[in-house]
Amino acid sequence: SLRLSCAALGGRVTVATMGWYRQAPGKQRDLVARIVRDSITHYV
């Protein structure tokens, strides 16, 4: 297991759509997970 963290400087994560993307060598950047509201999430 690993836990990734993202700190936002200059903006509030509560009012934004926040996402995690990933890109493997030779491949496009793809969505992994997104949080649209505090209670709404989406995952690949």
PDB file of all heavy atoms in Angstrom:
ATOM      1  N   SER A   1       0.826  -1.202   0.000  1.00  0.00           N
ATOM      2  CA  SER A   1       0.000   0.000   0.000  1.00  0.00           C
ATOM      3  C   SER A   1       0.860   1.251   0.000  1.00  0.00           C
ATOM      4  O   SER A   1       1.988   1.248   0.508  1.00  0.00           O
ATOM      5  CB  SER A   1      -0.911   0.023   1.229  1.00  0.00           C
ATOM      6  OG  SER A   1      -1.785  -1.085   1.263  1.00  0.00           O
ATOM      7  N   LEU A   2       0.315   2.311  -0.563  1.00  0.00           N
ATOM      8  CA  LEU A   2       0.907   3.634  -0.524  1.00  0.00           C
ATOM      9  C   LEU A   2      -0.207   4.661  -0.382  1.00  0.00           C
ATOM     10  O   LEU A   2      -1.317   4.440  -0.864  1.00  0.00           O
ATOM     11  CB  LEU A   2       1.705   3.946  -1.790  1.00  0.00           C
ATOM     12  CG  LEU A   2       3.074   3.299  -1.977  1.00  0.00           C
ATOM     13  CD1 LEU A   2       3.606   3.642  -3.369  1.00  0.00           C
ATOM     14  CD2 LEU A   2       4.045   3.764  -0.905  1.00  0.00           C
ATOM     15  N   ARG A   3       0.110   5.776   0.247  1.00  0.00           N
ATOM     16  CA  ARG A   3      -0.815   6.895   0.319  1.00  0.00           C
ATOM     17  C   ARG A   3      -0.172   8.111  -0.316  1.00  0.00           C
ATOM     18  O   ARG A   3       0.868   8.596   0.157  1.00  0.00           O
ATOM     19  CB  ARG A   3      -1.219   7.214   1.763  1.00  0.00           C
ATOM     20  CG  ARG A   3      -2.328   8.266   1.857  1.00  0.00           C
ATOM     21  CD  ARG A   3      -2.550   8.735   3.277  1.00  0.00           C
ATOM     22  NE  ARG A   3      -1.442   9.562   3.739  1.00  0.00           N
ATOM     23  CZ  ARG A   3      -1.372  10.124   4.936  1.00  0.00           C
ATOM     24  NH1 ARG A   3      -2.351   9.931   5.814  1.00  0.00           N
ATOM     25  NH2 ARG A   3      -0.335  10.856   5.279  1.00  0.00           N
ATOM     26  N   LEU A   4      -0.780   8.604  -1.377  1.00  0.00           N
ATOM     27  CA  LEU A   4      -0.335   9.825  -2.022  1.00  0.00           C
ATOM     28  C   LEU A   4      -1.117  11.006  -1.468  1.00  0.00           C
ATOM     29  O   LEU A   4      -2.314  10.902  -1.220  1.00  0.00           O
ATOM     30  CB  LEU A   4      -0.532   9.753  -3.536  1.00  0.00           C
ATOM     31  CG  LEU A   4       0.079   8.558  -4.269  1.00  0.00           C
ATOM     32  CD1 LEU A   4      -0.164   8.692  -5.765  1.00  0.00           C
ATOM     33  CD2 LEU A   4       1.564   8.438  -3.961  1.00  0.00           C
ATOM     34  N   SER A   5      -0.445  12.133  -1.293  1.00  0.00           N
ATOM     35  CA  SER A   5      -1.087  13.345  -0.825  1.00  0.00           C
ATOM     36  C   SER A   5      -0.791  14.489  -1.775  1.00  0.00           C
ATOM     37  O   SER A   5       0.295  14.567  -2.351  1.00  0.00           O
ATOM     38  CB  SER A   5      -0.615  13.706   0.585  1.00  0.00           C
ATOM     39  OG  SER A   5      -1.034  12.754   1.537  1.00  0.00           O
ATOM     40  N   CYS A   6      -1.767  15.374  -1.925  1.00  0.00           N
ATOM     41  CA  CYS A   6      -1.626  16.550  -2.775  1.00  0.00           C
ATOM     42  C   CYS A   6      -2.057  17.767  -1.977  1.00  0.00           C
ATOM     43  O   CYS A   6      -3.220  17.865  -1.573  1.00  0.00           O
ATOM     44  CB  CYS A   6      -2.476  16.407  -4.041  1.00  0.00           C
ATOM     45  SG  CYS A   6      -2.504  17.876  -5.095  1.00  0.00           S
ATOM     46  N   ALA A   7      -1.134  18.674  -1.756  1.00  0.00           N
ATOM     47  CA  ALA A   7      -1.422  19.922  -1.070  1.00  0.00           C
ATOM     48  C   ALA A   7      -1.620  21.034  -2.088  1.00  0.00           C
ATOM     49  O   ALA A   7      -0.790  21.215  -2.981  1.00  0.00           O
ATOM     50  CB  ALA A   7      -0.297  20.281  -0.107  1.00  0.00           C
ATOM     51  N   ALA A   8      -2.722  21.760  -1.969  1.00  0.00           N
ATOM     52  CA  ALA A   8      -3.042  22.860  -2.883  1.00  0.00           C
ATOM     53  C   ALA A   8      -2.682  24.182  -2.229  1.00  0.00           C
ATOM     54  O   ALA A   8      -3.229  24.533  -1.180  1.00  0.00           O
ATOM     55  CB  ALA A   8      -4.519  22.832  -3.261  1.00  0.00           C
ATOM     56  N   LEU A   9      -1.779  24.907  -2.859  1.00  0.00           N
ATOM     57  CA  LEU A   9      -1.357  26.212  -2.364  1.00  0.00           C
ATOM     58  C   LEU A   9      -1.976  27.297  -3.232  1.00  0.00           C
ATOM     59  O   LEU A   9      -1.703  27.368  -4.429  1.00  0.00           O
ATOM     60  CB  LEU A   9       0.170  26.317  -2.375  1.00  0.00           C
ATOM     61  CG  LEU A   9       0.932  25.176  -1.703  1.00  0.00           C
ATOM     62  CD1 LEU A   9       2.433  25.400  -1.808  1.00  0.00           C
ATOM     63  CD2 LEU A   9       0.514  25.038  -0.249  1.00  0.00           C
ATOM     64  N   GLY A  10      -2.838  28.125  -2.643  1.00  0.00           N
ATOM     65  CA  GLY A  10      -3.485  29.191  -3.382  1.00  0.00           C
ATOM     66  C   GLY A  10      -4.892  28.886  -3.844  1.00  0.00           C
ATOM     67  O   GLY A  10      -5.511  29.706  -4.530  1.00  0.00           O
ATOM     68  N   GLY A  11      -5.421  27.732  -3.501  1.00  0.00           N
ATOM     69  CA  GLY A  11      -6.774  27.348  -3.864  1.00  0.00           C
ATOM     70  C   GLY A  11      -7.365  26.407  -2.839  1.00  0.00           C
ATOM     71  O   GLY A  11      -6.632  25.749  -2.107  1.00  0.00           O
ATOM     72  N   ARG A  12      -8.683  26.334  -2.783  1.00  0.00           N
ATOM     73  CA  ARG A  12      -9.380  25.479  -1.839  1.00  0.00           C
ATOM     74  C   ARG A  12      -9.839  24.209  -2.530  1.00  0.00           C
ATOM     75  O   ARG A  12     -10.577  24.259  -3.516  1.00  0.00           O
ATOM     76  CB  ARG A  12     -10.577  26.211  -1.238  1.00  0.00           C
ATOM     77  CG  ARG A  12     -10.227  27.406  -0.366  1.00  0.00           C
ATOM     78  CD  ARG A  12     -11.482  28.126   0.089  1.00  0.00           C
ATOM     79  NE  ARG A  12     -12.353  27.232   0.846  1.00  0.00           N
ATOM     80  CZ  ARG A  12     -13.617  27.509   1.155  1.00  0.00           C
ATOM     81  NH1 ARG A  12     -14.158  28.654   0.764  1.00  0.00           N
ATOM     82  NH2 ARG A  12     -14.330  26.640   1.850  1.00  0.00           N
ATOM     83  N   VAL A  13      -9.424  23.073  -2.003  1.00  0.00           N
ATOM     84  CA  VAL A  13      -9.815  21.801  -2.608  1.00  0.00           C
ATOM     85  C   VAL A  13     -11.302  21.533  -2.438  1.00  0.00           C
ATOM     86  O   VAL A  13     -11.883  20.750  -3.191  1.00  0.00           O
ATOM     87  CB  VAL A  13      -8.989  20.628  -2.031  1.00  0.00           C
ATOM     88  CG1 VAL A  13      -7.509  20.857  -2.267  1.00  0.00           C
ATOM     89  CG2 VAL A  13      -9.279  20.429  -0.539  1.00  0.00           C
ATOM     90  N   THR A  14     -11.944  22.187  -1.484  1.00  0.00           N
ATOM     91  CA  THR A  14     -13.364  21.972  -1.234  1.00  0.00           C
ATOM     92  C   THR A  14     -14.248  22.524  -2.340  1.00  0.00           C
ATOM     93  O   THR A  14     -15.385  22.068  -2.497  1.00  0.00           O
ATOM     94  CB  THR A  14     -13.788  22.586   0.105  1.00  0.00           C
ATOM     95  OG1 THR A  14     -13.430  23.968   0.134  1.00  0.00           O
ATOM     96  CG2 THR A  14     -13.128  21.872   1.267  1.00  0.00           C
ATOM     97  N   VAL A  15     -13.784  23.499  -3.102  1.00  0.00           N
ATOM     98  CA  VAL A  15     -14.593  24.105  -4.159  1.00  0.00           C
ATOM     99  C   VAL A  15     -14.162  23.641  -5.545  1.00  0.00           C
ATOM    100  O   VAL A  15     -14.755  24.058  -6.547  1.00  0.00           O
ATOM    101  CB  VAL A  15     -14.540  25.641  -4.092  1.00  0.00           C
ATOM    102  CG1 VAL A  15     -15.026  26.127  -2.736  1.00  0.00           C
ATOM    103  CG2 VAL A  15     -13.141  26.163  -4.376  1.00  0.00           C
ATOM    104  N   ALA A  16     -13.161  22.799  -5.615  1.00  0.00           N
ATOM    105  CA  ALA A  16     -12.611  22.355  -6.890  1.00  0.00           C
ATOM    106  C   ALA A  16     -12.911  20.882  -7.134  1.00  0.00           C
ATOM    107  O   ALA A  16     -13.180  20.116  -6.212  1.00  0.00           O
ATOM    108  CB  ALA A  16     -11.102  22.580  -6.928  1.00  0.00           C
ATOM    109  N   THR A  17     -12.880  20.519  -8.404  1.00  0.00           N
ATOM    110  CA  THR A  17     -12.846  19.113  -8.772  1.00  0.00           C
ATOM    111  C   THR A  17     -11.388  18.664  -8.724  1.00  0.00           C
ATOM    112  O   THR A  17     -10.545  19.210  -9.435  1.00  0.00           O
ATOM    113  CB  THR A  17     -13.434  18.890 -10.166  1.00  0.00           C
ATOM    114  OG1 THR A  17     -14.828  19.211 -10.158  1.00  0.00           O
ATOM    115  CG2 THR A  17     -13.265  17.431 -10.591  1.00  0.00           C
ATOM    116  N   MET A  18     -11.106  17.705  -7.871  1.00  0.00           N
ATOM    117  CA  MET A  18      -9.749  17.216  -7.681  1.00  0.00           C
ATOM    118  C   MET A  18      -9.620  15.816  -8.268  1.00  0.00           C
ATOM    119  O   MET A  18     -10.511  14.979  -8.111  1.00  0.00           O
ATOM    120  CB  MET A  18      -9.383  17.183  -6.205  1.00  0.00           C
ATOM    121  CG  MET A  18      -9.497  18.526  -5.492  1.00  0.00           C
ATOM    122  SD  MET A  18      -8.343  19.770  -6.143  1.00  0.00           S
ATOM    123  CE  MET A  18      -6.768  18.946  -5.863  1.00  0.00           C
ATOM    124  N   GLY A  19      -8.512  15.571  -8.927  1.00  0.00           N
ATOM    125  CA  GLY A  19      -8.301  14.269  -9.533  1.00  0.00           C
ATOM    126  C   GLY A  19      -6.867  13.798  -9.416  1.00  0.00           C
ATOM    127  O   GLY A  19      -5.942  14.598  -9.250  1.00  0.00           O
ATOM    128  N   TRP A  20      -6.712  12.492  -9.494  1.00  0.00           N
ATOM    129  CA  TRP A  20      -5.414  11.859  -9.625  1.00  0.00           C
ATOM    130  C   TRP A  20      -5.356  11.174 -10.981  1.00  0.00           C
ATOM    131  O   TRP A  20      -6.260  10.421 -11.338  1.00  0.00           O
ATOM    132  CB  TRP A  20      -5.162  10.835  -8.510  1.00  0.00           C
ATOM    133  CG  TRP A  20      -4.795  11.439  -7.193  1.00  0.00           C
ATOM    134  CD1 TRP A  20      -5.617  11.682  -6.134  1.00  0.00           C
ATOM    135  CD2 TRP A  20      -3.491  11.864  -6.794  1.00  0.00           C
ATOM    136  NE1 TRP A  20      -4.921  12.235  -5.094  1.00  0.00           N
ATOM    137  CE2 TRP A  20      -3.603  12.362  -5.472  1.00  0.00           C
ATOM    138  CE3 TRP A  20      -2.241  11.879  -7.419  1.00  0.00           C
ATOM    139  CZ2 TRP A  20      -2.506  12.868  -4.776  1.00  0.00           C
ATOM    140  CZ3 TRP A  20      -1.157  12.380  -6.718  1.00  0.00           C
ATOM    141  CH2 TRP A  20      -1.304  12.865  -5.417  1.00  0.00           C
ATOM    142  N   TYR A  21      -4.308  11.454 -11.722  1.00  0.00           N
ATOM    143  CA  TYR A  21      -4.044  10.846 -13.017  1.00  0.00           C
ATOM    144  C   TYR A  21      -2.714  10.113 -12.951  1.00  0.00           C
ATOM    145  O   TYR A  21      -1.899  10.356 -12.069  1.00  0.00           O
ATOM    146  CB  TYR A  21      -3.988  11.905 -14.119  1.00  0.00           C
ATOM    147  CG  TYR A  21      -5.309  12.562 -14.437  1.00  0.00           C
ATOM    148  CD1 TYR A  21      -5.916  13.432 -13.541  1.00  0.00           C
ATOM    149  CD2 TYR A  21      -5.949  12.321 -15.655  1.00  0.00           C
ATOM    150  CE1 TYR A  21      -7.120  14.042 -13.830  1.00  0.00           C
ATOM    151  CE2 TYR A  21      -7.156  12.929 -15.958  1.00  0.00           C
ATOM    152  CZ  TYR A  21      -7.732  13.793 -15.040  1.00  0.00           C
ATOM    153  OH  TYR A  21      -8.926  14.399 -15.351  1.00  0.00           O
ATOM    154  N   ARG A  22      -2.490   9.219 -13.905  1.00  0.00           N
ATOM    155  CA  ARG A  22      -1.200   8.540 -13.967  1.00  0.00           C
ATOM    156  C   ARG A  22      -0.785   8.339 -15.416  1.00  0.00           C
ATOM    157  O   ARG A  22      -1.614   8.254 -16.317  1.00  0.00           O
ATOM    158  CB  ARG A  22      -1.233   7.195 -13.232  1.00  0.00           C
ATOM    159  CG  ARG A  22      -2.138   6.144 -13.848  1.00  0.00           C
ATOM    160  CD  ARG A  22      -2.209   4.919 -12.934  1.00  0.00           C
ATOM    161  NE  ARG A  22      -3.065   3.876 -13.467  1.00  0.00           N
ATOM    162  CZ  ARG A  22      -3.421   2.790 -12.795  1.00  0.00           C
ATOM    163  NH1 ARG A  22      -2.998   2.604 -11.539  1.00  0.00           N
ATOM    164  NH2 ARG A  22      -4.204   1.878 -13.369  1.00  0.00           N
ATOM    165  N   GLN A  23       0.520   8.279 -15.613  1.00  0.00           N
ATOM    166  CA  GLN A  23       1.083   8.094 -16.936  1.00  0.00           C
ATOM    167  C   GLN A  23       2.253   7.130 -16.854  1.00  0.00           C
ATOM    168  O   GLN A  23       3.251   7.406 -16.187  1.00  0.00           O
ATOM    169  CB  GLN A  23       1.540   9.424 -17.530  1.00  0.00           C
ATOM    170  CG  GLN A  23       2.012   9.329 -18.967  1.00  0.00           C
ATOM    171  CD  GLN A  23       2.222  10.693 -19.602  1.00  0.00           C
ATOM    172  OE1 GLN A  23       2.407  11.685 -18.903  1.00  0.00           O
ATOM    173  NE2 GLN A  23       2.183  10.752 -20.918  1.00  0.00           N
ATOM    174  N   ALA A  24       2.115   5.996 -17.523  1.00  0.00           N
ATOM    175  CA  ALA A  24       3.180   5.018 -17.616  1.00  0.00           C
ATOM    176  C   ALA A  24       4.042   5.339 -18.834  1.00  0.00           C
ATOM    177  O   ALA A  24       3.587   6.005 -19.772  1.00  0.00           O
ATOM    178  CB  ALA A  24       2.608   3.604 -17.717  1.00  0.00           C
ATOM    179  N   PRO A  25       5.289   4.864 -18.865  1.00  0.00           N
ATOM    180  CA  PRO A  25       6.163   5.146 -20.004  1.00  0.00           C
ATOM    181  C   PRO A  25       5.535   4.718 -21.327  1.00  0.00           C
ATOM    182  O   PRO A  25       5.038   3.595 -21.456  1.00  0.00           O
ATOM    183  CB  PRO A  25       7.423   4.334 -19.697  1.00  0.00           C
ATOM    184  CG  PRO A  25       7.438   4.224 -18.209  1.00  0.00           C
ATOM    185  CD  PRO A  25       5.991   4.103 -17.816  1.00  0.00           C
ATOM    186  N   GLY A  26       5.549   5.621 -22.302  1.00  0.00           N
ATOM    187  CA  GLY A  26       5.018   5.323 -23.621  1.00  0.00           C
ATOM    188  C   GLY A  26       3.513   5.336 -23.732  1.00  0.00           C
ATOM    189  O   GLY A  26       2.978   4.993 -24.791  1.00  0.00           O
ATOM    190  N   LYS A  27       2.803   5.719 -22.671  1.00  0.00           N
ATOM    191  CA  LYS A  27       1.351   5.721 -22.681  1.00  0.00           C
ATOM    192  C   LYS A  27       0.819   7.120 -22.361  1.00  0.00           C
ATOM    193  O   LYS A  27       1.544   7.989 -21.879  1.00  0.00           O
ATOM    194  CB  LYS A  27       0.797   4.709 -21.680  1.00  0.00           C
ATOM    195  CG  LYS A  27       1.277   3.285 -21.907  1.00  0.00           C
ATOM    196  CD  LYS A  27       0.627   2.302 -20.964  1.00  0.00           C
ATOM    197  CE  LYS A  27      -0.832   2.108 -21.286  1.00  0.00           C
ATOM    198  NZ  LYS A  27      -1.464   1.062 -20.428  1.00  0.00           N
ATOM    199  N   GLN A  28      -0.464   7.333 -22.626  1.00  0.00           N
ATOM    200  CA  GLN A  28      -1.092   8.611 -22.351  1.00  0.00           C
ATOM    201  C   GLN A  28      -1.388   8.761 -20.869  1.00  0.00           C
ATOM    202  O   GLN A  28      -1.400   7.779 -20.119  1.00  0.00           O
ATOM    203  CB  GLN A  28      -2.385   8.752 -23.158  1.00  0.00           C
ATOM    204  CG  GLN A  28      -3.485   7.794 -22.753  1.00  0.00           C
ATOM    205  CD  GLN A  28      -4.752   7.971 -23.567  1.00  0.00           C
ATOM    206  OE1 GLN A  28      -4.871   8.903 -24.369  1.00  0.00           O
ATOM    207  NE2 GLN A  28      -5.710   7.100 -23.356  1.00  0.00           N
ATOM    208  N   ARG A  29      -1.649  10.001 -20.468  1.00  0.00           N
ATOM    209  CA  ARG A  29      -2.035  10.272 -19.097  1.00  0.00           C
ATOM    210  C   ARG A  29      -3.518   9.981 -18.920  1.00  0.00           C
ATOM    211  O   ARG A  29      -4.354  10.544 -19.629  1.00  0.00           O
ATOM    212  CB  ARG A  29      -1.722  11.726 -18.740  1.00  0.00           C
ATOM    213  CG  ARG A  29      -1.970  12.075 -17.289  1.00  0.00           C
ATOM    214  CD  ARG A  29      -1.585  13.523 -16.981  1.00  0.00           C
ATOM    215  NE  ARG A  29      -0.168  13.772 -17.222  1.00  0.00           N
ATOM    216  CZ  ARG A  29       0.432  14.922 -16.934  1.00  0.00           C
ATOM    217  NH1 ARG A  29      -0.244  15.918 -16.395  1.00  0.00           N
ATOM    218  NH2 ARG A  29       1.725  15.066 -17.200  1.00  0.00           N
ATOM    219  N   ASP A  30      -3.847   9.117 -17.977  1.00  0.00           N
ATOM    220  CA  ASP A  30      -5.220   8.668 -17.786  1.00  0.00           C
ATOM    221  C   ASP A  30      -5.718   9.002 -16.386  1.00  0.00           C
ATOM    222  O   ASP A  30      -4.954   9.017 -15.418  1.00  0.00           O
ATOM    223  CB  ASP A  30      -5.340   7.156 -17.996  1.00  0.00           C
ATOM    224  CG  ASP A  30      -5.092   6.733 -19.430  1.00  0.00           C
ATOM    225  OD1 ASP A  30      -5.466   7.487 -20.348  1.00  0.00           O
ATOM    226  OD2 ASP A  30      -4.538   5.641 -19.643  1.00  0.00           O
ATOM    227  N   LEU A  31      -7.017   9.224 -16.294  1.00  0.00           N
ATOM    228  CA  LEU A  31      -7.658   9.461 -15.004  1.00  0.00           C
ATOM    229  C   LEU A  31      -7.629   8.191 -14.164  1.00  0.00           C
ATOM    230  O   LEU A  31      -7.941   7.108 -14.655  1.00  0.00           O
ATOM    231  CB  LEU A  31      -9.097   9.915 -15.202  1.00  0.00           C
ATOM    232  CG  LEU A  31      -9.938  10.067 -13.930  1.00  0.00           C
ATOM    233  CD1 LEU A  31      -9.467  11.266 -13.115  1.00  0.00           C
ATOM    234  CD2 LEU A  31     -11.422  10.196 -14.269  1.00  0.00           C
ATOM    235  N   VAL A  32      -7.281   8.331 -12.895  1.00  0.00           N
ATOM    236  CA  VAL A  32      -7.336   7.240 -11.932  1.00  0.00           C
ATOM    237  C   VAL A  32      -8.541   7.405 -11.010  1.00  0.00           C
ATOM    238  O   VAL A  32      -9.330   6.476 -10.832  1.00  0.00           O
ATOM    239  CB  VAL A  32      -6.049   7.156 -11.099  1.00  0.00           C
ATOM    240  CG1 VAL A  32      -6.155   6.051 -10.055  1.00  0.00           C
ATOM    241  CG2 VAL A  32      -4.840   6.932 -12.004  1.00  0.00           C
ATOM    242  N   ALA A  33      -8.679   8.578 -10.415  1.00  0.00           N
ATOM    243  CA  ALA A  33      -9.764   8.845  -9.483  1.00  0.00           C
ATOM    244  C   ALA A  33     -10.077  10.332  -9.477  1.00  0.00           C
ATOM    245  O   ALA A  33      -9.194  11.156  -9.699  1.00  0.00           O
ATOM    246  CB  ALA A  33      -9.412   8.377  -8.071  1.00  0.00           C
ATOM    247  N   ARG A  34     -11.336  10.659  -9.199  1.00  0.00           N
ATOM    248  CA  ARG A  34     -11.778  12.045  -9.163  1.00  0.00           C
ATOM    249  C   ARG A  34     -12.778  12.221  -8.034  1.00  0.00           C
ATOM    250  O   ARG A  34     -13.590  11.332  -7.779  1.00  0.00           O
ATOM    251  CB  ARG A  34     -12.433  12.430 -10.498  1.00  0.00           C
ATOM    252  CG  ARG A  34     -12.972  13.846 -10.550  1.00  0.00           C
ATOM    253  CD  ARG A  34     -13.908  14.046 -11.739  1.00  0.00           C
ATOM    254  NE  ARG A  34     -13.199  13.952 -13.012  1.00  0.00           N
ATOM    255  CZ  ARG A  34     -13.476  13.061 -13.952  1.00  0.00           C
ATOM    256  NH1 ARG A  34     -14.447  12.181 -13.785  1.00  0.00           N
ATOM    257  NH2 ARG A  34     -12.777  13.064 -15.083  1.00  0.00           N
ATOM    258  N   ILE A  35     -12.705  13.368  -7.369  1.00  0.00           N
ATOM    259  CA  ILE A  35     -13.697  13.718  -6.368  1.00  0.00           C
ATOM    260  C   ILE A  35     -14.324  15.039  -6.786  1.00  0.00           C
ATOM    261  O   ILE A  35     -13.658  16.074  -6.856  1.00  0.00           O
ATOM    262  CB  ILE A  35     -13.099  13.752  -4.942  1.00  0.00           C
ATOM    263  CG1 ILE A  35     -14.188  14.053  -3.916  1.00  0.00           C
ATOM    264  CG2 ILE A  35     -11.934  14.719  -4.835  1.00  0.00           C
ATOM    265  CD1 ILE A  35     -13.764  13.718  -2.486  1.00  0.00           C
ATOM    266  N   VAL A  36     -15.625  14.983  -7.106  1.00  0.00           N
ATOM    267  CA  VAL A  36     -16.354  16.143  -7.604  1.00  0.00           C
ATOM    268  C   VAL A  36     -16.959  16.931  -6.443  1.00  0.00           C
ATOM    269  O   VAL A  36     -16.954  18.153  -6.437  1.00  0.00           O
ATOM    270  CB  VAL A  36     -17.456  15.716  -8.585  1.00  0.00           C
ATOM    271  CG1 VAL A  36     -18.233  16.920  -9.109  1.00  0.00           C
ATOM    272  CG2 VAL A  36     -16.848  14.929  -9.742  1.00  0.00           C
ATOM    273  N   ARG A  37     -17.516  16.222  -5.495  1.00  0.00           N
ATOM    274  CA  ARG A  37     -17.995  16.770  -4.245  1.00  0.00           C
ATOM    275  C   ARG A  37     -17.409  15.926  -3.134  1.00  0.00           C
ATOM    276  O   ARG A  37     -16.843  14.863  -3.384  1.00  0.00           O
ATOM    277  CB  ARG A  37     -19.518  16.759  -4.186  1.00  0.00           C
ATOM    278  CG  ARG A  37     -20.211  17.550  -5.268  1.00  0.00           C
ATOM    279  CD  ARG A  37     -20.109  19.044  -5.023  1.00  0.00           C
ATOM    280  NE  ARG A  37     -20.924  19.795  -5.969  1.00  0.00           N
ATOM    281  CZ  ARG A  37     -20.500  20.212  -7.162  1.00  0.00           C
ATOM    282  NH1 ARG A  37     -19.261  19.946  -7.550  1.00  0.00           N
ATOM    283  NH2 ARG A  37     -21.312  20.884  -7.962  1.00  0.00           N
ATOM    284  N   ASP A  38     -17.585  16.390  -1.915  1.00  0.00           N
ATOM    285  CA  ASP A  38     -17.030  15.653  -0.790  1.00  0.00           C
ATOM    286  C   ASP A  38     -17.571  14.227  -0.721  1.00  0.00           C
ATOM    287  O   ASP A  38     -16.894  13.323  -0.221  1.00  0.00           O
ATOM    288  CB  ASP A  38     -17.321  16.393   0.509  1.00  0.00           C
ATOM    289  CG  ASP A  38     -16.573  15.830   1.695  1.00  0.00           C
ATOM    290  OD1 ASP A  38     -15.334  15.757   1.631  1.00  0.00           O
ATOM    291  OD2 ASP A  38     -17.231  15.455   2.693  1.00  0.00           O
ATOM    292  N   SER A  39     -18.787  14.019  -1.222  1.00  0.00           N
ATOM    293  CA  SER A  39     -19.424  12.710  -1.151  1.00  0.00           C
ATOM    294  C   SER A  39     -19.553  12.023  -2.504  1.00  0.00           C
ATOM    295  O   SER A  39     -20.166  10.955  -2.589  1.00  0.00           O
ATOM    296  CB  SER A  39     -20.815  12.834  -0.514  1.00  0.00           C
ATOM    297  OG  SER A  39     -21.639  13.704  -1.264  1.00  0.00           O
ATOM    298  N   ILE A  40     -18.991  12.601  -3.564  1.00  0.00           N
ATOM    299  CA  ILE A  40     -19.102  12.040  -4.900  1.00  0.00           C
ATOM    300  C   ILE A  40     -17.712  11.752  -5.445  1.00  0.00           C
ATOM    301  O   ILE A  40     -16.898  12.665  -5.583  1.00  0.00           O
ATOM    302  CB  ILE A  40     -19.862  12.982  -5.846  1.00  0.00           C
ATOM    303  CG1 ILE A  40     -21.260  13.270  -5.298  1.00  0.00           C
ATOM    304  CG2 ILE A  40     -19.938  12.387  -7.244  1.00  0.00           C
ATOM    305  CD1 ILE A  40     -22.031  14.293  -6.111  1.00  0.00           C
ATOM    306  N   THR A  41     -17.454  10.488  -5.756  1.00  0.00           N
ATOM    307  CA  THR A  41     -16.162  10.079  -6.282  1.00  0.00           C
ATOM    308  C   THR A  41     -16.343   9.204  -7.507  1.00  0.00           C
ATOM    309  O   THR A  41     -17.381   8.571  -7.699  1.00  0.00           O
ATOM    310  CB  THR A  41     -15.338   9.315  -5.233  1.00  0.00           C
ATOM    311  OG1 THR A  41     -16.074   8.172  -4.793  1.00  0.00           O
ATOM    312  CG2 THR A  41     -15.036  10.207  -4.035  1.00  0.00           C
ATOM    313  N   HIS A  42     -15.318   9.158  -8.348  1.00  0.00           N
ATOM    314  CA  HIS A  42     -15.294   8.309  -9.528  1.00  0.00           C
ATOM    315  C   HIS A  42     -13.925   7.659  -9.641  1.00  0.00           C
ATOM    316  O   HIS A  42     -12.917   8.273  -9.318  1.00  0.00           O
ATOM    317  CB  HIS A  42     -15.596   9.117 -10.796  1.00  0.00           C
ATOM    318  CG  HIS A  42     -16.898   9.833 -10.772  1.00  0.00           C
ATOM    319  ND1 HIS A  42     -17.029  11.118 -10.268  1.00  0.00           N
ATOM    320  CD2 HIS A  42     -18.136   9.459 -11.180  1.00  0.00           C
ATOM    321  CE1 HIS A  42     -18.288  11.496 -10.366  1.00  0.00           C
ATOM    322  NE2 HIS A  42     -18.980  10.518 -10.910  1.00  0.00           N
ATOM    323  N   TYR A  43     -13.907   6.419 -10.139  1.00  0.00           N
ATOM    324  CA  TYR A  43     -12.675   5.666 -10.275  1.00  0.00           C
ATOM    325  C   TYR A  43     -12.638   4.958 -11.617  1.00  0.00           C
ATOM    326  O   TYR A  43     -13.668   4.511 -12.127  1.00  0.00           O
ATOM    327  CB  TYR A  43     -12.535   4.608  -9.178  1.00  0.00           C
ATOM    328  CG  TYR A  43     -12.533   5.152  -7.774  1.00  0.00           C
ATOM    329  CD1 TYR A  43     -13.717   5.292  -7.068  1.00  0.00           C
ATOM    330  CD2 TYR A  43     -11.345   5.526  -7.157  1.00  0.00           C
ATOM    331  CE1 TYR A  43     -13.716   5.794  -5.777  1.00  0.00           C
ATOM    332  CE2 TYR A  43     -11.337   6.024  -5.871  1.00  0.00           C
ATOM    333  CZ  TYR A  43     -12.527   6.159  -5.180  1.00  0.00           C
ATOM    334  OH  TYR A  43     -12.531   6.650  -3.903  1.00  0.00           O
ATOM    335  N   VAL A  44     -11.442   4.831 -12.158  1.00  0.00           N
ATOM    336  CA  VAL A  44     -11.273   3.982 -13.321  1.00  0.00           C
ATOM    337  C   VAL A  44     -11.484   2.533 -12.882  1.00  0.00           C
ATOM    338  O   VAL A  44     -11.184   2.165 -11.734  1.00  0.00           O
ATOM    339  CB  VAL A  44      -9.876   4.180 -13.949  1.00  0.00           C
ATOM    340  CG1 VAL A  44      -8.778   3.689 -13.025  1.00  0.00           C
ATOM    341  CG2 VAL A  44      -9.791   3.507 -15.306  1.00  0.00           C
TER     342      VAL A  44
END
